[in-house]
PDB file of all heavy atoms in Angstrom:
ATOM      1  N   LEU A   1      46.307 -37.660 -56.021  1.00  0.00           N
ATOM      2  CA  LEU A   1      47.741 -38.078 -56.213  1.00  0.00           C
ATOM      3  C   LEU A   1      48.182 -39.024 -55.109  1.00  0.00           C
ATOM      4  O   LEU A   1      47.986 -38.718 -53.924  1.00  0.00           O
ATOM      5  CB  LEU A   1      48.646 -36.883 -56.320  1.00  0.00           C
ATOM      6  CG  LEU A   1      48.226 -35.711 -57.285  1.00  0.00           C
ATOM      7  CD1 LEU A   1      49.238 -34.591 -57.225  1.00  0.00           C
ATOM      8  CD2 LEU A   1      48.072 -36.262 -58.659  1.00  0.00           C
ATOM      9  N   VAL A   2      48.875 -40.106 -55.498  1.00  0.00           N
ATOM     10  CA  VAL A   2      49.424 -41.036 -54.540  1.00  0.00           C
ATOM     11  C   VAL A   2      50.884 -41.322 -55.010  1.00  0.00           C
ATOM     12  O   VAL A   2      51.100 -41.716 -56.178  1.00  0.00           O
ATOM     13  CB  VAL A   2      48.682 -42.337 -54.454  1.00  0.00           C
ATOM     14  CG1 VAL A   2      49.422 -43.388 -53.627  1.00  0.00           C
ATOM     15  CG2 VAL A   2      47.285 -42.125 -53.879  1.00  0.00           C
ATOM     16  N   PHE A   3      51.814 -41.097 -54.098  1.00  0.00           N
ATOM     17  CA  PHE A   3      53.201 -41.378 -54.406  1.00  0.00           C
ATOM     18  C   PHE A   3      53.711 -42.565 -53.543  1.00  0.00           C
ATOM     19  O   PHE A   3      53.558 -42.544 -52.310  1.00  0.00           O
ATOM     20  CB  PHE A   3      54.078 -40.118 -54.162  1.00  0.00           C
ATOM     21  CG  PHE A   3      53.648 -38.964 -55.011  1.00  0.00           C
ATOM     22  CD1 PHE A   3      52.794 -37.962 -54.581  1.00  0.00           C
ATOM     23  CD2 PHE A   3      54.164 -38.859 -56.329  1.00  0.00           C
ATOM     24  CE1 PHE A   3      52.407 -36.908 -55.402  1.00  0.00           C
ATOM     25  CE2 PHE A   3      53.762 -37.792 -57.135  1.00  0.00           C
ATOM     26  CZ  PHE A   3      52.889 -36.819 -56.700  1.00  0.00           C
ATOM     27  N   SER A   4      54.325 -43.483 -54.244  1.00  0.00           N
ATOM     28  CA  SER A   4      54.806 -44.728 -53.569  1.00  0.00           C
ATOM     29  C   SER A   4      56.289 -44.893 -53.643  1.00  0.00           C
ATOM     30  O   SER A   4      56.867 -44.545 -54.664  1.00  0.00           O
ATOM     31  CB  SER A   4      54.100 -45.927 -54.178  1.00  0.00           C
ATOM     32  OG  SER A   4      54.653 -47.114 -53.748  1.00  0.00           O
ATOM     33  N   ASP A   5      56.892 -45.318 -52.553  1.00  0.00           N
ATOM     34  CA  ASP A   5      58.342 -45.638 -52.592  1.00  0.00           C
ATOM     35  C   ASP A   5      58.667 -46.958 -53.337  1.00  0.00           C
ATOM     36  O   ASP A   5      59.784 -47.188 -53.643  1.00  0.00           O
ATOM     37  CB  ASP A   5      58.870 -45.731 -51.146  1.00  0.00           C
ATOM     38  CG  ASP A   5      58.886 -44.352 -50.440  1.00  0.00           C
ATOM     39  OD1 ASP A   5      58.986 -43.338 -51.129  1.00  0.00           O
ATOM     40  OD2 ASP A   5      58.751 -44.311 -49.211  1.00  0.00           O
ATOM     41  N   CYS A   6      57.647 -47.693 -53.560  1.00  0.00           N
ATOM     42  CA  CYS A   6      57.836 -49.016 -54.263  1.00  0.00           C
ATOM     43  C   CYS A   6      58.437 -48.800 -55.678  1.00  0.00           C
ATOM     44  O   CYS A   6      57.926 -47.960 -56.452  1.00  0.00           O
ATOM     45  CB  CYS A   6      56.495 -49.731 -54.366  1.00  0.00           C
ATOM     46  SG  CYS A   6      56.523 -51.314 -55.296  1.00  0.00           S
ATOM     47  N   LEU A   7      59.444 -49.509 -56.001  1.00  0.00           N
ATOM     48  CA  LEU A   7      60.000 -49.515 -57.380  1.00  0.00           C
ATOM     49  C   LEU A   7      59.031 -50.267 -58.284  1.00  0.00           C
ATOM     50  O   LEU A   7      58.493 -51.319 -57.898  1.00  0.00           O
ATOM     51  CB  LEU A   7      61.403 -50.120 -57.436  1.00  0.00           C
ATOM     52  CG  LEU A   7      62.436 -49.427 -56.512  1.00  0.00           C
ATOM     53  CD1 LEU A   7      63.781 -50.178 -56.589  1.00  0.00           C
ATOM     54  CD2 LEU A   7      62.605 -47.955 -56.868  1.00  0.00           C
ATOM     55  N   TRP A   8      58.820 -49.764 -59.531  1.00  0.00           N
ATOM     56  CA  TRP A   8      57.767 -50.327 -60.314  1.00  0.00           C
ATOM     57  C   TRP A   8      57.839 -51.804 -60.524  1.00  0.00           C
ATOM     58  O   TRP A   8      56.753 -52.479 -60.482  1.00  0.00           O
ATOM     59  CB  TRP A   8      57.713 -49.568 -61.675  1.00  0.00           C
ATOM     60  CG  TRP A   8      56.713 -50.168 -62.635  1.00  0.00           C
ATOM     61  CD1 TRP A   8      56.974 -50.892 -63.756  1.00  0.00           C
ATOM     62  CD2 TRP A   8      55.291 -50.171 -62.412  1.00  0.00           C
ATOM     63  NE1 TRP A   8      55.773 -51.311 -64.336  1.00  0.00           N
ATOM     64  CE2 TRP A   8      54.736 -50.915 -63.456  1.00  0.00           C
ATOM     65  CE3 TRP A   8      54.447 -49.667 -61.446  1.00  0.00           C
ATOM     66  CZ2 TRP A   8      53.366 -51.080 -63.595  1.00  0.00           C
ATOM     67  CZ3 TRP A   8      53.092 -49.862 -61.551  1.00  0.00           C
ATOM     68  CH2 TRP A   8      52.542 -50.553 -62.629  1.00  0.00           C
ATOM     69  N   PRO A   9      58.985 -52.442 -60.786  1.00  0.00           N
ATOM     70  CA  PRO A   9      58.942 -53.943 -60.980  1.00  0.00           C
ATOM     71  C   PRO A   9      58.363 -54.628 -59.816  1.00  0.00           C
ATOM     72  O   PRO A   9      58.001 -55.849 -59.965  1.00  0.00           O
ATOM     73  CB  PRO A   9      60.395 -54.241 -61.219  1.00  0.00           C
ATOM     74  CG  PRO A   9      61.016 -52.994 -61.830  1.00  0.00           C
ATOM     75  CD  PRO A   9      60.306 -51.903 -61.044  1.00  0.00           C
ATOM     76  N   GLU A  10      58.376 -54.049 -58.577  1.00  0.00           N
ATOM     77  CA  GLU A  10      57.842 -54.708 -57.412  1.00  0.00           C
ATOM     78  C   GLU A  10      56.446 -54.383 -57.132  1.00  0.00           C
ATOM     79  O   GLU A  10      55.856 -54.851 -56.102  1.00  0.00           O
ATOM     80  CB  GLU A  10      58.739 -54.320 -56.219  1.00  0.00           C
ATOM     81  CG  GLU A  10      60.203 -54.759 -56.339  1.00  0.00           C
ATOM     82  CD  GLU A  10      61.128 -54.162 -55.280  1.00  0.00           C
ATOM     83  OE1 GLU A  10      60.677 -53.246 -54.636  1.00  0.00           O
ATOM     84  OE2 GLU A  10      62.255 -54.589 -55.168  1.00  0.00           O
ATOM     85  N   PHE A  11      55.777 -53.518 -57.974  1.00  0.00           N
ATOM     86  CA  PHE A  11      54.421 -53.130 -57.750  1.00  0.00           C
ATOM     87  C   PHE A  11      53.469 -54.264 -57.952  1.00  0.00           C
ATOM     88  O   PHE A  11      53.560 -55.004 -58.964  1.00  0.00           O
ATOM     89  CB  PHE A  11      54.075 -52.011 -58.731  1.00  0.00           C
ATOM     90  CG  PHE A  11      52.810 -51.263 -58.419  1.00  0.00           C
ATOM     91  CD1 PHE A  11      52.734 -50.209 -57.542  1.00  0.00           C
ATOM     92  CD2 PHE A  11      51.592 -51.633 -59.030  1.00  0.00           C
ATOM     93  CE1 PHE A  11      51.538 -49.539 -57.265  1.00  0.00           C
ATOM     94  CE2 PHE A  11      50.400 -50.993 -58.777  1.00  0.00           C
ATOM     95  CZ  PHE A  11      50.368 -49.918 -57.869  1.00  0.00           C
ATOM     96  N   GLY A  12      52.610 -54.473 -56.975  1.00  0.00           N
ATOM     97  CA  GLY A  12      51.667 -55.563 -57.084  1.00  0.00           C
ATOM     98  C   GLY A  12      50.343 -55.267 -56.469  1.00  0.00           C
ATOM     99  O   GLY A  12      49.966 -54.077 -56.214  1.00  0.00           O
ATOM    100  N   ASP A  13      49.524 -56.347 -56.104  1.00  0.00           N
ATOM    101  CA  ASP A  13      48.223 -56.186 -55.572  1.00  0.00           C
ATOM    102  C   ASP A  13      48.251 -55.361 -54.294  1.00  0.00           C
ATOM    103  O   ASP A  13      47.393 -54.503 -54.070  1.00  0.00           O
ATOM    104  CB  ASP A  13      47.613 -57.547 -55.307  1.00  0.00           C
ATOM    105  CG  ASP A  13      47.173 -58.258 -56.588  1.00  0.00           C
ATOM    106  OD1 ASP A  13      47.387 -57.667 -57.615  1.00  0.00           O
ATOM    107  OD2 ASP A  13      46.576 -59.321 -56.477  1.00  0.00           O
ATOM    108  N   ALA A  14      49.227 -55.573 -53.421  1.00  0.00           N
ATOM    109  CA  ALA A  14      49.257 -54.897 -52.110  1.00  0.00           C
ATOM    110  C   ALA A  14      49.402 -53.354 -52.294  1.00  0.00           C
ATOM    111  O   ALA A  14      48.656 -52.575 -51.686  1.00  0.00           O
ATOM    112  CB  ALA A  14      50.371 -55.469 -51.257  1.00  0.00           C
ATOM    113  N   GLN A  15      50.272 -52.965 -53.233  1.00  0.00           N
ATOM    114  CA  GLN A  15      50.532 -51.535 -53.452  1.00  0.00           C
ATOM    115  C   GLN A  15      49.283 -50.909 -54.151  1.00  0.00           C
ATOM    116  O   GLN A  15      48.906 -49.775 -53.833  1.00  0.00           O
ATOM    117  CB  GLN A  15      51.759 -51.351 -54.305  1.00  0.00           C
ATOM    118  CG  GLN A  15      53.071 -51.670 -53.550  1.00  0.00           C
ATOM    119  CD  GLN A  15      53.364 -53.155 -53.473  1.00  0.00           C
ATOM    120  OE1 GLN A  15      52.773 -53.928 -54.234  1.00  0.00           O
ATOM    121  NE2 GLN A  15      54.221 -53.505 -52.540  1.00  0.00           N
ATOM    122  N   LEU A  16      48.716 -51.671 -55.128  1.00  0.00           N
ATOM    123  CA  LEU A  16      47.518 -51.169 -55.778  1.00  0.00           C
ATOM    124  C   LEU A  16      46.362 -50.947 -54.790  1.00  0.00           C
ATOM    125  O   LEU A  16      45.706 -49.932 -54.773  1.00  0.00           O
ATOM    126  CB  LEU A  16      47.093 -52.111 -56.909  1.00  0.00           C
ATOM    127  CG  LEU A  16      45.799 -51.778 -57.644  1.00  0.00           C
ATOM    128  CD1 LEU A  16      45.926 -50.388 -58.369  1.00  0.00           C
ATOM    129  CD2 LEU A  16      45.472 -52.836 -58.687  1.00  0.00           C
ATOM    130  N   ASP A  17      46.107 -51.994 -54.008  1.00  0.00           N
ATOM    131  CA  ASP A  17      45.014 -51.866 -53.028  1.00  0.00           C
ATOM    132  C   ASP A  17      45.255 -50.794 -51.967  1.00  0.00           C
ATOM    133  O   ASP A  17      44.253 -50.153 -51.563  1.00  0.00           O
ATOM    134  CB  ASP A  17      44.739 -53.235 -52.369  1.00  0.00           C
ATOM    135  CG  ASP A  17      44.186 -54.293 -53.298  1.00  0.00           C
ATOM    136  OD1 ASP A  17      43.527 -53.848 -54.281  1.00  0.00           O
ATOM    137  OD2 ASP A  17      44.377 -55.499 -53.064  1.00  0.00           O
ATOM    138  N   ALA A  18      46.475 -50.543 -51.594  1.00  0.00           N
ATOM    139  CA  ALA A  18      46.794 -49.501 -50.659  1.00  0.00           C
ATOM    140  C   ALA A  18      46.418 -48.138 -51.269  1.00  0.00           C
ATOM    141  O   ALA A  18      45.869 -47.259 -50.599  1.00  0.00           O
ATOM    142  CB  ALA A  18      48.171 -49.538 -50.224  1.00  0.00           C
ATOM    143  N   ALA A  19      46.787 -47.968 -52.574  1.00  0.00           N
ATOM    144  CA  ALA A  19      46.453 -46.721 -53.254  1.00  0.00           C
ATOM    145  C   ALA A  19      44.931 -46.494 -53.406  1.00  0.00           C
ATOM    146  O   ALA A  19      44.415 -45.450 -53.227  1.00  0.00           O
ATOM    147  CB  ALA A  19      47.202 -46.651 -54.574  1.00  0.00           C
ATOM    148  N   LEU A  20      44.295 -47.637 -53.739  1.00  0.00           N
ATOM    149  CA  LEU A  20      42.827 -47.550 -53.895  1.00  0.00           C
ATOM    150  C   LEU A  20      42.124 -47.247 -52.575  1.00  0.00           C
ATOM    151  O   LEU A  20      41.107 -46.474 -52.488  1.00  0.00           O
ATOM    152  CB  LEU A  20      42.258 -48.856 -54.450  1.00  0.00           C
ATOM    153  CG  LEU A  20      42.714 -49.210 -55.893  1.00  0.00           C
ATOM    154  CD1 LEU A  20      42.139 -50.546 -56.350  1.00  0.00           C
ATOM    155  CD2 LEU A  20      42.283 -48.084 -56.902  1.00  0.00           C
ATOM    156  N   ALA A  21      42.649 -47.791 -51.477  1.00  0.00           N
ATOM    157  CA  ALA A  21      42.116 -47.472 -50.163  1.00  0.00           C
ATOM    158  C   ALA A  21      42.347 -46.025 -49.762  1.00  0.00           C
ATOM    159  O   ALA A  21      41.429 -45.355 -49.228  1.00  0.00           O
ATOM    160  CB  ALA A  21      42.744 -48.393 -49.121  1.00  0.00           C
ATOM    161  N   ASP A  22      43.478 -45.538 -50.144  1.00  0.00           N
ATOM    162  CA  ASP A  22      43.774 -44.134 -49.865  1.00  0.00           C
ATOM    163  C   ASP A  22      42.808 -43.243 -50.693  1.00  0.00           C
ATOM    164  O   ASP A  22      42.208 -42.238 -50.202  1.00  0.00           O
ATOM    165  CB  ASP A  22      45.254 -43.816 -50.320  1.00  0.00           C
ATOM    166  CG  ASP A  22      45.736 -42.451 -49.874  1.00  0.00           C
ATOM    167  OD1 ASP A  22      44.919 -41.647 -49.451  1.00  0.00           O
ATOM    168  OD2 ASP A  22      46.949 -42.269 -49.929  1.00  0.00           O
ATOM    169  N   TYR A  23      42.659 -43.597 -51.954  1.00  0.00           N
ATOM    170  CA  TYR A  23      41.704 -42.820 -52.821  1.00  0.00           C
ATOM    171  C   TYR A  23      40.238 -42.841 -52.305  1.00  0.00           C
ATOM    172  O   TYR A  23      39.610 -41.841 -52.248  1.00  0.00           O
ATOM    173  CB  TYR A  23      41.719 -43.495 -54.222  1.00  0.00           C
ATOM    174  CG  TYR A  23      40.633 -42.936 -55.126  1.00  0.00           C
ATOM    175  CD1 TYR A  23      40.779 -41.787 -55.797  1.00  0.00           C
ATOM    176  CD2 TYR A  23      39.421 -43.708 -55.301  1.00  0.00           C
ATOM    177  CE1 TYR A  23      39.798 -41.281 -56.663  1.00  0.00           C
ATOM    178  CE2 TYR A  23      38.429 -43.216 -56.161  1.00  0.00           C
ATOM    179  CZ  TYR A  23      38.622 -42.004 -56.840  1.00  0.00           C
ATOM    180  OH  TYR A  23      37.635 -41.523 -57.672  1.00  0.00           O
ATOM    181  N   ALA A  24      39.837 -44.021 -51.778  1.00  0.00           N
ATOM    182  CA  ALA A  24      38.476 -44.162 -51.218  1.00  0.00           C
ATOM    183  C   ALA A  24      38.252 -43.234 -50.057  1.00  0.00           C
ATOM    184  O   ALA A  24      37.079 -42.813 -49.787  1.00  0.00           O
ATOM    185  CB  ALA A  24      38.230 -45.588 -50.862  1.00  0.00           C
ATOM    186  N   ASP A  25      39.318 -42.891 -49.357  1.00  0.00           N
ATOM    187  CA  ASP A  25      39.172 -42.003 -48.171  1.00  0.00           C
ATOM    188  C   ASP A  25      39.262 -40.527 -48.498  1.00  0.00           C
ATOM    189  O   ASP A  25      39.048 -39.712 -47.606  1.00  0.00           O
ATOM    190  CB  ASP A  25      40.216 -42.320 -47.119  1.00  0.00           C
ATOM    191  CG  ASP A  25      39.984 -43.640 -46.400  1.00  0.00           C
ATOM    192  OD1 ASP A  25      38.840 -44.056 -46.332  1.00  0.00           O
ATOM    193  OD2 ASP A  25      40.914 -44.249 -45.852  1.00  0.00           O
ATOM    194  N   ARG A  26      39.578 -40.217 -49.714  1.00  0.00           N
ATOM    195  CA  ARG A  26      39.706 -38.795 -50.108  1.00  0.00           C
ATOM    196  C   ARG A  26      38.322 -38.148 -50.243  1.00  0.00           C
ATOM    197  O   ARG A  26      37.375 -38.757 -50.623  1.00  0.00           O
ATOM    198  CB  ARG A  26      40.455 -38.699 -51.450  1.00  0.00           C
ATOM    199  CG  ARG A  26      41.827 -39.339 -51.469  1.00  0.00           C
ATOM    200  CD  ARG A  26      42.910 -38.479 -50.765  1.00  0.00           C
ATOM    201  NE  ARG A  26      44.221 -39.167 -50.827  1.00  0.00           N
ATOM    202  CZ  ARG A  26      45.118 -38.880 -51.695  1.00  0.00           C
ATOM    203  NH1 ARG A  26      44.911 -37.961 -52.665  1.00  0.00           N
ATOM    204  NH2 ARG A  26      46.324 -39.530 -51.666  1.00  0.00           N
ATOM    205  N   ASP A  27      38.331 -36.832 -49.970  1.00  0.00           N
ATOM    206  CA  ASP A  27      37.095 -36.042 -50.082  1.00  0.00           C
ATOM    207  C   ASP A  27      37.263 -35.230 -51.351  1.00  0.00           C
ATOM    208  O   ASP A  27      37.899 -34.155 -51.349  1.00  0.00           O
ATOM    209  CB  ASP A  27      36.938 -35.153 -48.831  1.00  0.00           C
ATOM    210  CG  ASP A  27      35.640 -34.391 -48.859  1.00  0.00           C
ATOM    211  OD1 ASP A  27      34.770 -34.676 -49.697  1.00  0.00           O
ATOM    212  OD2 ASP A  27      35.442 -33.538 -47.932  1.00  0.00           O
ATOM    213  N   ARG A  28      36.643 -35.676 -52.384  1.00  0.00           N
ATOM    214  CA  ARG A  28      36.811 -34.992 -53.716  1.00  0.00           C
ATOM    215  C   ARG A  28      35.732 -33.941 -53.908  1.00  0.00           C
ATOM    216  O   ARG A  28      34.546 -34.226 -54.024  1.00  0.00           O
ATOM    217  CB  ARG A  28      36.763 -36.034 -54.841  1.00  0.00           C
ATOM    218  CG  ARG A  28      37.684 -37.204 -54.683  1.00  0.00           C
ATOM    219  CD  ARG A  28      37.770 -38.022 -55.928  1.00  0.00           C
ATOM    220  NE  ARG A  28      38.463 -37.365 -56.969  1.00  0.00           N
ATOM    221  CZ  ARG A  28      38.346 -37.666 -58.271  1.00  0.00           C
ATOM    222  NH1 ARG A  28      37.443 -38.593 -58.642  1.00  0.00           N
ATOM    223  NH2 ARG A  28      39.066 -37.034 -59.179  1.00  0.00           N
ATOM    224  N   ARG A  29      36.155 -32.683 -54.015  1.00  0.00           N
ATOM    225  CA  ARG A  29      35.221 -31.594 -54.081  1.00  0.00           C
ATOM    226  C   ARG A  29      35.333 -30.769 -55.399  1.00  0.00           C
ATOM    227  O   ARG A  29      34.497 -29.977 -55.676  1.00  0.00           O
ATOM    228  CB  ARG A  29      35.493 -30.608 -52.923  1.00  0.00           C
ATOM    229  CG  ARG A  29      35.367 -31.257 -51.571  1.00  0.00           C
ATOM    230  CD  ARG A  29      35.361 -30.338 -50.399  1.00  0.00           C
ATOM    231  NE  ARG A  29      35.342 -31.016 -49.109  1.00  0.00           N
ATOM    232  CZ  ARG A  29      34.909 -30.381 -48.000  1.00  0.00           C
ATOM    233  NH1 ARG A  29      34.573 -29.133 -48.049  1.00  0.00           N
ATOM    234  NH2 ARG A  29      34.879 -31.040 -46.889  1.00  0.00           N
ATOM    235  N   PHE A  30      36.414 -31.029 -56.154  1.00  0.00           N
ATOM    236  CA  PHE A  30      36.569 -30.364 -57.450  1.00  0.00           C
ATOM    237  C   PHE A  30      36.452 -28.816 -57.341  1.00  0.00           C
ATOM    238  O   PHE A  30      35.836 -28.187 -58.209  1.00  0.00           O
ATOM    239  CB  PHE A  30      35.598 -30.895 -58.502  1.00  0.00           C
ATOM    240  CG  PHE A  30      35.727 -32.365 -58.691  1.00  0.00           C
ATOM    241  CD1 PHE A  30      34.874 -33.300 -58.009  1.00  0.00           C
ATOM    242  CD2 PHE A  30      36.696 -32.908 -59.543  1.00  0.00           C
ATOM    243  CE1 PHE A  30      34.989 -34.636 -58.195  1.00  0.00           C
ATOM    244  CE2 PHE A  30      36.841 -34.305 -59.724  1.00  0.00           C
ATOM    245  CZ  PHE A  30      35.972 -35.134 -59.079  1.00  0.00           C
ATOM    246  N   GLY A  31      36.920 -28.262 -56.253  1.00  0.00           N
ATOM    247  CA  GLY A  31      36.958 -26.863 -56.155  1.00  0.00           C
ATOM    248  C   GLY A  31      35.732 -26.264 -55.405  1.00  0.00           C
ATOM    249  O   GLY A  31      35.703 -25.090 -55.132  1.00  0.00           O
ATOM    250  N   GLY A  32      34.774 -27.122 -55.182  1.00  0.00           N
ATOM    251  CA  GLY A  32      33.526 -26.621 -54.521  1.00  0.00           C
ATOM    252  C   GLY A  32      33.422 -27.146 -53.107  1.00  0.00           C
ATOM    253  O   GLY A  32      34.435 -27.520 -52.482  1.00  0.00           O
ATOM    254  N   VAL A  33      32.213 -27.104 -52.550  1.00  0.00           N
ATOM    255  CA  VAL A  33      31.956 -27.579 -51.208  1.00  0.00           C
ATOM    256  C   VAL A  33      30.735 -28.479 -51.316  1.00  0.00           C
ATOM    257  O   VAL A  33      29.932 -28.438 -52.230  1.00  0.00           O
ATOM    258  CB  VAL A  33      31.671 -26.420 -50.200  1.00  0.00           C
ATOM    259  CG1 VAL A  33      32.905 -25.547 -50.014  1.00  0.00           C
ATOM    260  CG2 VAL A  33      30.506 -25.611 -50.620  1.00  0.00           C
ATOM    261  N   LYS A  34      30.660 -29.391 -50.346  1.00  0.00           N
ATOM    262  CA  LYS A  34      29.491 -30.307 -50.342  1.00  0.00           C
ATOM    263  C   LYS A  34      28.315 -29.676 -49.691  1.00  0.00           C
ATOM    264  O   LYS A  34      28.417 -28.754 -48.917  1.00  0.00           O
ATOM    265  CB  LYS A  34      29.952 -31.567 -49.580  1.00  0.00           C
ATOM    266  CG  LYS A  34      30.944 -32.444 -50.279  1.00  0.00           C
ATOM    267  CD  LYS A  34      31.192 -33.714 -49.556  1.00  0.00           C
ATOM    268  CE  LYS A  34      32.072 -34.691 -50.299  1.00  0.00           C
ATOM    269  NZ  LYS A  34      32.263 -35.942 -49.628  1.00  0.00           N
ATOM    270  N   ALA A  35      27.144 -30.184 -50.135  1.00  0.00           N
ATOM    271  CA  ALA A  35      25.832 -29.634 -49.642  1.00  0.00           C
ATOM    272  C   ALA A  35      25.861 -29.756 -48.080  1.00  0.00           C
ATOM    273  O   ALA A  35      25.315 -28.834 -47.348  1.00  0.00           O
ATOM    274  CB  ALA A  35      24.722 -30.389 -50.190  1.00  0.00           C
ATOM    275  N   THR A  36      26.374 -30.804 -47.531  1.00  0.00           N
ATOM    276  CA  THR A  36      26.404 -30.997 -46.040  1.00  0.00           C
ATOM    277  C   THR A  36      27.185 -29.896 -45.423  1.00  0.00           C
ATOM    278  O   THR A  36      26.930 -29.463 -44.269  1.00  0.00           O
ATOM    279  CB  THR A  36      26.946 -32.345 -45.725  1.00  0.00           C
ATOM    280  OG1 THR A  36      28.242 -32.541 -46.339  1.00  0.00           O
ATOM    281  CG2 THR A  36      26.046 -33.456 -46.144  1.00  0.00           C
TER     282      THR A  36
END
């Protein structure tokens, strides 16, 4: 989940890429743990 203060009509590449960068840093485990 990513929540942005940007109002939708102003949403553009910068806001999309910021959300994608945030997503790329997340550790997705789906309720489990990693082998490491």
